Protein backbone atom coordinates (compact mmCIF):
# COMPACT_ATOMS: atom_id res chain seq x y z
CA MET A 1 61.99 141.59 -9.21
CA THR A 2 65.09 141.09 -6.94
CA VAL A 3 67.61 138.52 -7.47
CA LEU A 4 66.49 136.69 -4.30
CA SER A 5 63.02 136.42 -5.71
CA PHE A 6 64.11 134.91 -8.85
CA LEU A 7 66.27 132.32 -6.94
CA LYS A 8 63.43 131.54 -5.01
CA LEU A 9 61.31 131.01 -7.97
CA LEU A 10 64.15 128.42 -9.31
CA GLY A 11 64.03 126.85 -5.92
CA CYS A 12 60.43 126.38 -6.32
CA LEU A 13 60.69 124.92 -9.61
CA ALA A 14 63.46 122.45 -8.62
CA LEU A 15 61.35 121.40 -5.77
CA LEU A 16 58.44 120.97 -8.13
CA MET A 17 60.54 118.41 -10.61
CA TYR A 18 61.86 116.73 -7.55
CA GLY A 19 58.51 115.87 -6.14
CA MET A 20 57.26 114.88 -9.75
CA LYS A 21 60.33 112.49 -10.09
CA VAL A 22 60.00 110.86 -6.68
CA MET A 23 56.13 110.49 -7.29
CA SER A 24 56.85 108.72 -10.66
CA GLU A 25 59.37 106.49 -9.36
CA SER A 26 57.42 105.27 -6.41
CA LEU A 27 54.31 104.53 -8.40
CA GLN A 28 56.61 102.35 -11.02
CA LYS A 29 58.07 100.61 -7.81
CA LEU A 30 54.60 99.93 -6.37
CA ALA A 31 53.30 98.60 -9.79
CA GLY A 32 56.46 96.47 -10.38
CA GLY A 33 55.90 93.71 -12.71
CA HIS A 34 52.14 94.48 -12.83
CA LEU A 35 52.97 97.26 -15.35
CA ARG A 36 54.69 94.56 -17.65
CA ASN A 37 51.46 92.17 -17.38
CA ILE A 38 49.28 95.33 -18.15
CA MET A 39 51.47 96.53 -21.07
CA GLY A 40 51.75 92.77 -22.34
CA ALA A 41 48.09 92.12 -22.04
CA MET A 42 46.24 95.42 -23.02
CA THR A 43 48.04 96.32 -26.39
CA ARG A 44 46.11 93.75 -28.75
CA ASN A 45 45.10 96.55 -31.16
CA ARG A 46 45.67 100.26 -31.57
CA PHE A 47 42.49 101.12 -29.29
CA THR A 48 43.63 98.94 -26.31
CA GLY A 49 47.16 100.16 -26.73
CA LEU A 50 46.12 103.95 -26.75
CA LEU A 51 43.95 103.32 -23.71
CA THR A 52 46.99 101.38 -21.97
CA GLY A 53 49.58 104.42 -22.46
CA THR A 54 46.64 106.80 -21.15
CA PHE A 55 45.90 105.06 -17.93
CA VAL A 56 49.59 104.01 -17.38
CA THR A 57 50.86 107.53 -17.94
CA ALA A 58 48.20 108.85 -15.71
CA ALA A 59 49.09 106.55 -13.01
CA VAL A 60 52.83 106.85 -12.89
CA GLN A 61 52.92 110.58 -13.78
CA SER A 62 55.45 110.33 -16.29
CA SER A 63 55.10 110.13 -20.22
CA THR A 64 58.86 109.33 -20.21
CA ALA A 65 58.61 106.50 -18.00
CA THR A 66 55.75 105.04 -20.21
CA THR A 67 57.85 105.92 -23.44
CA VAL A 68 60.99 104.28 -22.20
CA LEU A 69 59.05 101.21 -21.01
CA THR A 70 57.21 100.93 -24.28
CA VAL A 71 60.67 101.05 -26.21
CA SER A 72 62.11 98.38 -23.99
CA PHE A 73 59.03 96.12 -24.68
CA VAL A 74 59.46 96.78 -28.37
CA ASN A 75 63.28 95.82 -28.22
CA ALA A 76 62.37 92.71 -26.03
CA GLY A 77 59.95 91.64 -28.83
CA LEU A 78 56.78 91.91 -26.66
CA LEU A 79 55.21 94.75 -28.53
CA THR A 80 55.26 95.69 -32.35
CA LEU A 81 56.30 98.89 -33.56
CA ALA A 82 52.87 99.79 -34.34
CA GLN A 83 51.49 98.71 -30.86
CA ALA A 84 53.99 100.84 -29.39
CA ILE A 85 53.01 103.85 -31.50
CA SER A 86 49.28 103.49 -30.09
CA VAL A 87 50.86 103.64 -26.55
CA ILE A 88 52.86 106.66 -27.06
CA MET A 89 49.84 108.47 -28.38
CA GLY A 90 47.94 107.26 -25.19
CA ALA A 91 50.79 108.65 -23.29
CA ASN A 92 50.47 112.15 -24.49
CA ILE A 93 46.85 112.06 -23.17
CA GLY A 94 47.68 110.75 -20.04
CA THR A 95 50.61 113.33 -19.37
CA THR A 96 47.96 115.98 -19.39
CA VAL A 97 46.48 114.75 -15.92
CA THR A 98 49.59 116.50 -14.49
CA ALA A 99 48.70 119.79 -15.78
CA TRP A 100 45.13 119.39 -14.35
CA LEU A 101 46.53 118.38 -11.02
CA MET A 102 48.29 121.34 -10.61
CA ALA A 103 45.70 123.71 -11.95
CA PHE A 104 43.23 122.05 -9.58
CA PHE A 105 45.37 121.72 -6.45
CA GLY A 106 48.50 123.77 -7.00
CA PHE A 107 46.64 127.16 -8.15
CA SER A 108 43.18 126.82 -6.74
CA VAL A 109 43.76 125.36 -3.39
CA ASP A 110 46.07 126.39 -0.77
CA MET A 111 47.73 122.80 -0.05
CA SER A 112 50.53 124.01 1.96
CA SER A 113 48.80 123.10 4.98
CA PHE A 114 47.92 119.69 4.04
CA ALA A 115 51.49 119.12 3.03
CA TRP A 116 53.00 118.84 6.36
CA PRO A 117 50.89 116.07 7.78
CA ILE A 118 51.54 114.16 4.39
CA PHE A 119 55.29 114.79 4.88
CA LEU A 120 55.00 113.15 8.38
CA LEU A 121 53.14 110.08 7.24
CA GLY A 122 55.63 109.59 4.29
CA ILE A 123 58.53 109.79 6.64
CA ILE A 124 57.03 107.26 9.06
CA LEU A 125 56.51 104.84 6.04
CA LEU A 126 59.92 105.27 4.65
CA PHE A 127 61.10 103.59 7.78
CA GLN A 128 59.04 100.50 7.23
CA LYS A 129 60.94 97.18 6.39
CA LYS A 130 58.43 96.21 3.73
CA SER A 131 59.25 97.33 0.24
CA THR A 132 55.70 98.12 -0.46
CA GLY A 133 55.46 100.46 2.62
CA LYS A 134 58.62 102.37 1.66
CA SER A 135 57.08 102.95 -1.94
CA VAL A 136 54.08 104.27 -0.46
CA GLY A 137 56.09 106.51 1.84
CA GLU A 138 58.22 107.80 -1.21
CA PHE A 139 54.98 108.64 -3.17
CA LEU A 140 53.62 110.49 -0.24
CA PHE A 141 56.78 112.41 0.22
CA GLY A 142 56.99 113.28 -3.43
CA PHE A 143 53.22 113.94 -3.43
CA ALA A 144 53.79 116.67 -0.38
CA PHE A 145 56.90 118.00 -2.24
CA LEU A 146 54.83 118.57 -5.26
CA PHE A 147 51.98 120.65 -3.71
CA PHE A 148 54.21 122.40 -1.18
CA ALA A 149 56.44 123.42 -4.34
CA LEU A 150 53.18 124.93 -6.17
CA SER A 151 51.87 126.56 -3.02
CA THR A 152 55.26 128.22 -2.39
CA LEU A 153 55.43 129.12 -6.17
CA ARG A 154 52.12 130.79 -5.78
CA MET A 155 53.35 132.70 -2.79
CA ASN A 156 56.69 133.73 -4.36
CA ALA A 157 54.56 135.15 -7.27
CA ALA A 158 52.26 137.11 -5.11
CA GLU A 159 55.51 138.67 -3.54
CA MET A 160 56.95 139.28 -6.79
CA ASP A 161 53.78 141.21 -7.82
CA LEU A 162 54.21 140.16 -11.34
CA ALA A 163 50.84 142.00 -12.31
CA HIS A 164 52.29 145.28 -11.52
CA ASN A 165 55.98 144.84 -12.51
CA ASP A 166 56.56 147.20 -15.33
CA ALA A 167 59.64 145.43 -16.71
CA ILE A 168 57.57 142.12 -17.17
CA ILE A 169 54.70 143.87 -18.49
CA HIS A 170 56.62 145.99 -20.94
CA PHE A 171 58.43 142.62 -22.19
CA PHE A 172 55.20 140.72 -22.88
CA SER A 173 53.48 143.71 -24.57
CA SER A 174 56.27 144.56 -26.85
CA PHE A 175 55.14 141.49 -29.00
CA ASN A 176 52.22 141.91 -31.44
CA PRO A 177 49.66 139.37 -30.15
CA ASP A 178 48.25 139.13 -33.73
CA SER A 179 51.43 138.18 -35.37
CA ILE A 180 52.47 134.56 -36.30
CA TRP A 181 56.00 135.59 -35.67
CA THR A 182 55.18 136.06 -32.03
CA THR A 183 53.38 132.69 -31.67
CA LEU A 184 56.42 130.95 -33.60
CA LEU A 185 58.80 132.94 -31.29
CA PHE A 186 56.95 131.49 -27.91
CA LEU A 187 56.64 128.09 -29.46
CA LEU A 188 60.40 127.89 -30.01
CA ILE A 189 60.81 129.21 -26.36
CA GLY A 190 58.67 126.69 -24.81
CA GLY A 191 60.72 123.98 -26.82
CA VAL A 192 64.13 125.18 -25.79
CA LEU A 193 62.99 125.68 -22.10
CA THR A 194 61.67 122.32 -21.71
CA MET A 195 64.68 120.78 -23.47
CA CYS A 196 67.03 122.80 -20.78
CA VAL A 197 65.11 121.67 -17.75
CA GLN A 198 63.67 118.45 -19.25
CA SER A 199 60.58 118.73 -17.58
CA SER A 200 57.39 119.83 -19.26
CA ALA A 201 55.45 120.11 -15.93
CA ALA A 202 58.03 122.80 -14.61
CA ILE A 203 57.44 124.94 -17.71
CA MET A 204 53.87 124.41 -17.65
CA ALA A 205 53.80 125.66 -14.04
CA ILE A 206 55.71 128.73 -15.18
CA THR A 207 53.06 129.33 -17.97
CA MET A 208 50.30 129.19 -15.54
CA LEU A 209 51.96 131.31 -12.91
CA LEU A 210 52.57 134.16 -15.96
CA CYS A 211 49.08 133.78 -17.49
CA SER A 212 47.19 133.74 -14.17
CA SER A 213 49.15 136.74 -13.08
CA GLY A 214 47.60 138.52 -16.30
CA VAL A 215 51.15 139.50 -17.65
CA MET A 216 50.97 137.11 -20.49
CA PRO A 217 48.13 136.67 -22.89
CA ILE A 218 46.58 133.49 -22.95
CA TYR A 219 47.61 133.04 -26.92
CA GLN A 220 51.25 133.50 -25.87
CA GLY A 221 50.86 130.99 -22.83
CA ILE A 222 49.21 128.39 -25.28
CA ALA A 223 52.14 128.75 -27.85
CA LEU A 224 54.43 128.01 -24.77
CA VAL A 225 52.20 124.86 -24.30
CA MET A 226 52.71 123.74 -28.06
CA GLY A 227 56.63 124.25 -27.64
CA GLU A 228 56.74 122.09 -24.39
CA ASN A 229 55.20 119.24 -26.38
CA ILE A 230 57.79 119.48 -28.87
CA GLY A 231 60.68 120.01 -26.27
CA THR A 232 59.86 117.12 -24.16
CA THR A 233 59.92 114.83 -27.47
CA ILE A 234 63.36 116.37 -28.65
CA THR A 235 64.85 115.42 -25.26
CA SER A 236 63.91 111.50 -25.72
CA ASN A 237 65.26 111.62 -29.50
CA VAL A 238 68.57 112.97 -28.27
CA ALA A 239 68.78 110.14 -25.59
CA ALA A 240 68.03 107.69 -28.14
CA LEU A 241 70.63 108.64 -30.55
CA SER A 242 73.08 105.79 -29.08
CA ALA A 243 70.21 103.33 -28.74
CA SER A 244 68.85 100.44 -30.92
CA THR A 245 66.98 101.12 -33.97
CA GLN A 246 63.55 100.35 -32.54
CA ALA A 247 64.14 102.91 -30.00
CA ARG A 248 65.03 105.48 -32.22
CA ARG A 249 61.94 104.90 -34.35
CA ALA A 250 59.64 104.99 -31.47
CA ALA A 251 61.28 108.39 -30.22
CA LEU A 252 61.08 109.73 -33.73
CA THR A 253 57.15 108.93 -33.89
CA HIS A 254 56.65 110.62 -30.69
CA LEU A 255 58.41 113.79 -32.27
CA ILE A 256 56.52 113.46 -35.62
CA PHE A 257 53.01 112.82 -33.51
CA ASN A 258 53.63 116.42 -31.84
CA VAL A 259 55.12 118.27 -34.65
CA PHE A 260 52.16 117.37 -36.79
CA GLY A 261 49.59 118.64 -33.90
CA VAL A 262 51.56 122.04 -33.71
CA VAL A 263 51.20 122.34 -37.76
CA TRP A 264 47.68 121.84 -37.86
CA VAL A 265 46.72 123.86 -34.67
CA LEU A 266 48.89 126.91 -36.08
CA CYS A 267 46.57 126.74 -39.35
CA ILE A 268 43.43 127.20 -37.37
CA PHE A 269 45.01 128.94 -34.03
CA ARG A 270 42.75 131.55 -32.94
CA PRO A 271 39.50 129.72 -33.78
CA PHE A 272 40.86 126.71 -32.00
CA ILE A 273 41.76 128.32 -28.90
CA ASN A 274 38.57 130.28 -28.80
CA MET A 275 36.61 127.09 -29.14
CA VAL A 276 38.57 125.38 -26.41
CA CYS A 277 38.30 128.55 -23.96
CA SER A 278 34.90 128.52 -24.55
CA LEU A 279 34.39 124.76 -23.21
CA VAL A 280 35.62 126.08 -19.70
CA GLY A 281 33.71 129.35 -19.78
CA PHE A 282 36.89 131.37 -20.12
CA ASP A 283 36.83 134.54 -22.52
CA PRO A 284 40.30 135.18 -23.96
CA LEU A 285 39.11 138.84 -24.38
CA TYR A 286 37.50 139.89 -21.16
CA VAL A 287 39.38 142.50 -19.03
CA PRO A 288 38.50 141.87 -15.21
CA ALA A 289 37.52 144.94 -13.33
CA THR A 290 37.06 143.97 -9.70
CA GLU A 291 39.38 142.00 -7.44
CA ALA A 292 37.02 139.36 -7.46
CA ASP A 293 36.78 139.18 -11.14
CA ILE A 294 40.63 139.17 -11.38
CA ALA A 295 40.82 136.09 -8.86
CA HIS A 296 38.24 134.27 -10.91
CA ASN A 297 39.89 134.78 -14.03
CA SER A 298 43.25 133.89 -12.96
CA THR A 299 41.73 130.44 -12.11
CA MET A 300 39.95 129.95 -15.28
CA VAL A 301 42.95 130.91 -17.41
CA ASN A 302 44.72 128.02 -15.93
CA TYR A 303 41.61 125.60 -16.57
CA ALA A 304 41.80 127.18 -20.23
CA LEU A 305 45.56 126.14 -20.59
CA CYS A 306 44.89 122.74 -19.20
CA ALA A 307 41.78 122.20 -21.46
CA PHE A 308 44.08 123.41 -24.59
CA HIS A 309 46.67 120.95 -23.48
CA THR A 310 43.90 117.99 -23.36
CA CYS A 311 42.16 118.94 -26.40
CA PHE A 312 45.37 119.36 -28.62
CA ASN A 313 46.40 115.71 -27.75
CA LEU A 314 43.24 114.19 -28.05
CA CYS A 315 42.34 115.81 -31.29
CA ASN A 316 45.92 114.76 -32.49
CA VAL A 317 45.27 111.22 -31.46
CA LEU A 318 41.77 111.04 -33.12
CA ILE A 319 43.37 112.10 -36.46
CA LEU A 320 46.57 110.03 -36.55
CA ILE A 321 45.30 106.75 -34.74
CA TRP A 322 43.82 105.96 -38.22
CA PHE A 323 47.41 106.08 -39.71
CA ILE A 324 49.50 104.13 -37.47
CA PRO A 325 50.60 101.70 -40.24
CA LEU A 326 51.64 104.65 -42.21
CA LEU A 327 53.67 106.20 -39.34
CA GLU A 328 55.35 103.13 -38.84
CA ARG A 329 56.33 102.96 -42.57
CA ILE A 330 57.66 106.60 -42.53
CA VAL A 331 59.95 105.97 -39.53
CA CYS A 332 61.19 102.70 -40.78
CA ARG A 333 62.25 104.43 -44.06
CA LEU A 334 63.66 107.28 -42.12
CA ILE A 335 65.63 105.05 -39.84
CA LYS A 336 66.99 102.19 -41.66
CA GLY A 337 67.62 98.90 -39.79
CA LYS A 338 71.25 97.80 -39.04
CA GLU A 339 72.56 94.34 -39.45
CA GLU A 340 73.11 93.58 -35.76
CA ASP A 341 74.21 89.99 -35.94
CA GLU A 342 78.04 90.81 -35.14
CA ASP A 343 77.29 94.26 -33.67
CA THR A 344 79.41 94.74 -30.47
CA ARG A 345 76.62 97.14 -28.83
CA LEU A 346 74.02 95.54 -26.54
CA ARG A 347 70.88 95.47 -28.29
CA TYR A 348 68.11 95.50 -25.57
CA ILE A 349 69.65 97.46 -22.85
CA SER A 350 71.69 100.15 -24.96
CA ALA A 351 68.78 102.84 -24.24
CA GLY A 352 70.02 102.82 -20.83
CA MET A 353 68.47 101.61 -17.28
CA LEU A 354 64.85 102.20 -16.59
CA SER A 355 64.03 104.47 -13.87
CA THR A 356 62.67 101.59 -11.66
CA ALA A 357 65.18 98.72 -10.95
CA GLU A 358 62.47 95.93 -10.96
CA LEU A 359 61.43 96.75 -14.59
CA SER A 360 65.11 96.77 -15.75
CA LEU A 361 65.54 92.99 -15.41
CA LEU A 362 63.47 92.18 -18.55
CA GLU A 363 65.94 93.98 -20.55
CA ALA A 364 68.89 92.11 -18.84
CA ARG A 365 67.16 88.76 -19.11
CA LYS A 366 66.61 89.54 -23.13
CA GLU A 367 70.22 90.47 -23.43
CA ILE A 368 71.48 87.23 -21.70
CA ASN A 369 69.44 85.15 -23.94
CA LEU A 370 70.88 87.11 -27.05
CA PHE A 371 74.29 86.68 -25.54
CA ALA A 372 73.73 82.99 -25.54
CA ARG A 373 72.40 82.85 -28.85
CA ARG A 374 75.40 84.49 -30.31
CA ILE A 375 77.41 81.93 -28.42
CA GLN A 376 76.05 79.14 -29.98
CA ARG A 377 76.29 80.89 -33.56
CA MET A 378 80.01 81.08 -32.79
CA PHE A 379 80.17 77.40 -31.82
CA GLY A 380 78.49 76.70 -35.15
CA PHE A 381 81.59 77.93 -36.98
CA LEU A 382 83.91 75.35 -35.67
CA PRO A 383 82.57 72.20 -37.79
CA GLU A 384 83.18 74.12 -40.89
CA LEU A 385 86.66 75.45 -39.71
CA LEU A 386 87.55 71.80 -38.89
CA HIS A 387 87.12 70.60 -42.69
CA MET A 388 88.33 73.67 -44.22
CA THR A 389 91.47 73.17 -46.42
CA ASP A 390 91.62 76.61 -48.39
CA GLU A 391 94.14 78.81 -46.41
CA ASP A 392 92.55 82.14 -47.07
CA GLU A 393 89.17 80.95 -46.19
CA PHE A 394 90.34 79.36 -43.03
CA THR A 395 91.86 82.47 -42.08
CA LYS A 396 88.78 84.41 -42.55
CA LEU A 397 86.68 82.07 -40.47
CA PHE A 398 89.13 81.74 -37.65
CA SER A 399 89.30 85.78 -37.58
CA ARG A 400 85.46 85.72 -37.34
CA ILE A 401 85.56 83.49 -34.38
CA GLU A 402 88.23 85.35 -32.93
CA LYS A 403 85.98 88.62 -33.37
CA TYR A 404 83.36 86.84 -31.54
CA GLU A 405 85.15 86.06 -28.62
CA GLY A 406 86.11 89.79 -28.39
CA ILE A 407 82.43 90.65 -28.62
CA SER A 408 81.62 87.88 -25.78
CA ASP A 409 83.95 89.45 -23.46
CA ASN A 410 82.50 93.07 -24.24
CA MET A 411 78.95 91.53 -23.68
CA GLU A 412 79.75 89.92 -20.31
CA ILE A 413 81.38 93.25 -18.95
CA GLU A 414 78.59 95.56 -20.18
CA ILE A 415 75.73 93.29 -18.81
CA ALA A 416 77.55 92.49 -15.40
CA ASN A 417 77.91 96.71 -15.15
CA TYR A 418 74.30 97.03 -15.90
CA LEU A 419 73.15 94.22 -13.45
CA ASN A 420 75.32 95.99 -10.60
CA LYS A 421 73.59 99.36 -11.47
CA VAL A 422 70.16 97.75 -11.44
CA SER A 423 71.21 96.13 -7.95
CA GLU A 424 71.74 99.66 -6.51
CA GLY A 425 67.91 100.31 -6.53
CA ARG A 426 65.60 98.65 -3.92
CA LEU A 427 64.82 95.23 -5.29
CA SER A 428 62.46 92.34 -3.81
CA PRO A 429 64.34 89.20 -2.64
CA GLU A 430 63.21 87.47 -5.84
CA SER A 431 64.67 90.11 -8.01
CA LYS A 432 68.02 89.96 -5.88
CA LEU A 433 68.18 86.21 -6.44
CA ASP A 434 67.50 86.73 -10.14
CA ILE A 435 70.57 89.17 -10.41
CA ARG A 436 73.01 86.77 -8.60
CA SER A 437 71.86 84.20 -11.10
CA MET A 438 72.11 86.37 -14.13
CA LEU A 439 75.77 87.34 -13.17
CA ARG A 440 76.57 83.65 -12.87
CA GLU A 441 74.87 82.93 -16.11
CA ILE A 442 77.02 85.58 -18.04
CA SER A 443 80.11 84.42 -16.55
CA GLU A 444 79.52 80.75 -17.63
CA ILE A 445 78.22 81.80 -21.14
CA GLU A 446 81.47 83.64 -21.72
CA SER A 447 83.36 80.85 -20.61
CA ILE A 448 81.66 78.66 -23.40
CA GLY A 449 82.89 81.36 -25.74
CA ASP A 450 86.51 80.92 -24.36
CA SER A 451 86.08 77.15 -24.96
CA CYS A 452 84.92 77.77 -28.75
CA TYR A 453 87.87 80.01 -29.22
CA ASN A 454 90.30 77.58 -27.53
CA MET A 455 89.03 74.95 -29.92
CA ALA A 456 89.34 77.06 -32.77
CA ARG A 457 92.92 77.65 -31.79
CA ALA A 458 93.50 73.88 -31.45
CA VAL A 459 92.12 73.34 -34.95
CA ASN A 460 94.24 76.42 -36.03
CA ARG A 461 97.59 74.56 -34.83
CA LYS A 462 96.55 71.36 -36.48
CA PHE A 463 95.92 73.43 -39.62
CA GLN A 464 99.57 74.80 -39.48
CA SER A 465 101.33 71.63 -38.95
CA SER A 466 102.05 69.01 -42.00
CA GLU A 467 99.92 66.24 -40.38
CA ASP A 468 96.19 65.77 -40.17
CA PHE A 469 93.71 63.93 -38.24
CA THR A 470 92.75 60.31 -38.97
CA PRO A 471 89.08 59.44 -40.23
CA ASP A 472 88.33 58.17 -36.88
CA GLN A 473 89.49 61.26 -35.29
CA TYR A 474 87.45 63.49 -37.41
CA ARG A 475 84.47 61.00 -36.64
CA HIS A 476 85.06 61.37 -33.02
CA ILE A 477 85.49 65.19 -32.85
CA GLU A 478 82.19 65.51 -34.90
CA HIS A 479 80.39 63.14 -32.62
CA MET A 480 81.44 65.14 -29.52
CA LEU A 481 80.71 68.67 -31.53
CA SER A 482 77.06 67.46 -32.01
CA LEU A 483 76.72 66.56 -28.55
CA CYS A 484 77.98 70.06 -27.55
CA ASP A 485 75.56 71.40 -30.03
CA ARG A 486 72.70 69.62 -28.46
CA ALA A 487 73.75 71.17 -24.87
CA LEU A 488 73.80 74.45 -26.01
CA THR A 489 70.35 73.84 -27.78
CA GLN A 490 68.95 72.64 -24.80
CA MET A 491 70.33 75.45 -22.66
CA ASN A 492 68.97 78.00 -24.87
CA ALA A 493 65.49 76.49 -25.05
CA LEU A 494 65.68 76.37 -21.23
CA LEU A 495 66.50 80.37 -21.06
CA GLU A 496 63.82 81.31 -23.33
CA ASP A 497 61.31 78.93 -21.89
CA LYS A 498 58.35 80.82 -20.52
CA THR A 499 56.01 78.01 -19.82
CA GLY A 500 58.29 75.94 -17.80
CA THR A 501 58.00 72.81 -19.87
CA ILE A 502 61.46 72.30 -20.46
CA GLN A 503 63.16 70.43 -17.52
CA PRO A 504 67.02 70.96 -16.49
CA VAL A 505 67.45 67.09 -16.13
CA GLU A 506 67.19 67.03 -20.05
CA SER A 507 70.65 69.02 -19.84
CA LEU A 508 72.03 66.95 -17.28
CA ASN A 509 71.59 63.67 -19.58
CA ILE A 510 73.50 65.56 -22.28
CA GLU A 511 76.11 66.41 -20.15
CA ASN A 512 76.61 62.91 -18.87
CA GLU A 513 77.02 61.68 -22.45
CA ILE A 514 79.73 64.22 -23.00
CA ASN A 515 81.60 63.25 -19.94
CA ASN A 516 81.46 59.27 -20.72
CA TYR A 517 82.14 59.96 -24.51
CA ARG A 518 85.56 62.36 -23.31
CA SER A 519 86.52 59.56 -20.94
CA SER A 520 86.43 56.64 -23.61
CA LEU A 521 88.29 58.93 -26.13
CA LYS A 522 90.95 59.67 -23.57
CA GLU A 523 91.63 56.23 -22.95
CA LYS A 524 91.30 55.27 -26.65
CA ASN A 525 93.82 58.16 -27.43
CA ILE A 526 96.56 56.72 -25.13
CA ILE A 527 96.16 53.27 -26.98
CA ASP A 528 96.27 54.71 -30.41
CA VAL A 529 99.28 56.89 -29.81
CA GLY A 530 101.05 53.55 -28.37
CA GLU A 531 100.06 51.94 -31.50
CA GLN A 532 101.33 54.80 -33.62
CA LYS A 533 98.03 55.28 -35.58
CA TYR A 534 99.04 58.93 -35.39
CA ASP A 535 101.81 60.93 -33.64
CA TYR A 536 102.07 62.27 -30.12
CA GLN A 537 101.63 66.00 -31.27
CA MET A 538 98.44 65.22 -33.36
CA GLY A 539 97.18 63.37 -30.22
CA VAL A 540 97.48 66.62 -28.17
CA HIS A 541 95.63 68.53 -30.87
CA TYR A 542 93.02 65.95 -30.82
CA MET A 543 92.44 65.90 -26.90
CA ASP A 544 92.78 69.56 -26.68
CA ILE A 545 89.70 69.80 -28.62
CA ILE A 546 87.90 66.93 -26.91
CA GLY A 547 88.89 68.54 -23.54
CA GLU A 548 87.49 71.72 -24.23
CA CYS A 549 84.23 70.20 -25.57
CA GLU A 550 84.02 68.70 -22.29
CA LYS A 551 84.59 72.10 -20.45
CA LEU A 552 81.89 73.49 -22.50
CA GLY A 553 79.24 70.84 -21.34
CA ASP A 554 80.19 71.79 -17.89
CA TYR A 555 79.87 75.56 -18.64
CA ALA A 556 76.42 74.74 -20.20
CA ILE A 557 75.39 72.81 -17.38
CA ASN A 558 76.43 75.77 -14.81
CA VAL A 559 74.29 78.08 -16.76
CA VAL A 560 71.11 75.60 -16.52
CA GLU A 561 71.72 75.47 -12.95
CA ALA A 562 72.01 79.14 -12.30
CA HIS A 563 68.87 79.73 -14.36
CA ALA A 564 66.68 77.17 -13.00
CA HIS A 565 67.90 77.73 -9.32
CA VAL A 566 68.75 73.91 -8.98
CA ARG A 567 71.62 71.86 -8.23
CA LEU A 568 72.27 69.09 -10.62
CA THR A 569 74.35 66.18 -9.78
CA VAL A 570 76.77 65.14 -12.55
């Protein structure tokens, strides 16, 4: 094997991985919001969840995409962890379709002649103005790349003449095929290689190439396939280390699922493989003599590898689907939940952006809703702070409000950065409008946090002085705070309303009340200071709080306008 041949081999694998990536992303773009509807509607129980994971993964040609989407649904509260586990099990079955496609079209049929017209059609569609046409063009482009890479890989293998390469033959023959240590070594190699290239499809193609060339026995090839199943889950577990608790639990479930399968298959390794090979009419011990037999045997060994991959995942699912509640308890015990009330990290989009921009908006929306709820929780500290007399308790609560203000600043920046990344993808006009609205929403919600902090500072200045508010002032402030709380409650209800029953005009009515009450208090304050009911400085502290309440109402109505895409007249 020359250096050039080896580099060509790596290039073929790179082309294969790129084709798979383009195909997967374009199919996700075509599906768009339909994937959300499918996953939300078809996961009522473990069996429908299993079918959903199988068909979605087979459609988008990526178990990783299905797993990430599933985790995001768990984070968003649209799926329980138990439902997600069934979807992940189905994704393991669906991902075997890729291997069958490679076996049927990549190694059995020369698709290179068909690739060029598909390239041409794909390029034409890529220049379409419609988003759907571009996505179809990308899919065809990726499809052509995939099978062109497989055809090139097969031709490169023929040039390398692996069946007569003494070095490669000697390498594989040096291992004792009957030793469990050989099986474990190749299982480890398969896992490590999959982790390195982050593509089980690429390692599966190499496995097919080596086995069909006759240089690697089927048993060692199947050990590689089992390693690939574990390697692809380790990648997702590493990626989930900095993600939310539910994301890490889902990733760990995926790892436990495949490790369990590998363990029981190792216990009946040879008998199970022989049984699977018999299903496709392949004899692992048969030595072909003629050229025709060699060609037929090379095709059948690929079918045997695919059949094992399918049977492995199918049997694993048939065993574990009855123990989903047990799996859920195990991962919940291994990964403890964290108190995320005041966690500065994002909860719903901490796992990173989905590969399709359209699907990422769901996470952004849930994060904004959480942002708004945290801000209202921050506002809820103010009435308590207003009436505190103990200095230590006052300082503790004021520091908590200050911490919340810092959290709100961080959340605004992180959500905005996330939305900017999402906007770099190709989006529908509706999604572009949603992103603009979301950016305005987070800016206004952060401003509500600033108003809450400014009110706390005004209360703090009053607390540090020797004077106090009069009973009337306390009563007026409390009423204004209750109006603001109503405004925030209405705002949050509108943000989370999925039925369209909550009307924006209700927020406008509360805002009008706030404005009118602030105007009347402003006039009364001038009169009260003139009549010396309280000194001028106490009037300043008093009106600072009232003024910030009025600003808070303005920010709340701005959030409502941005979300509802309306302009309300105040």
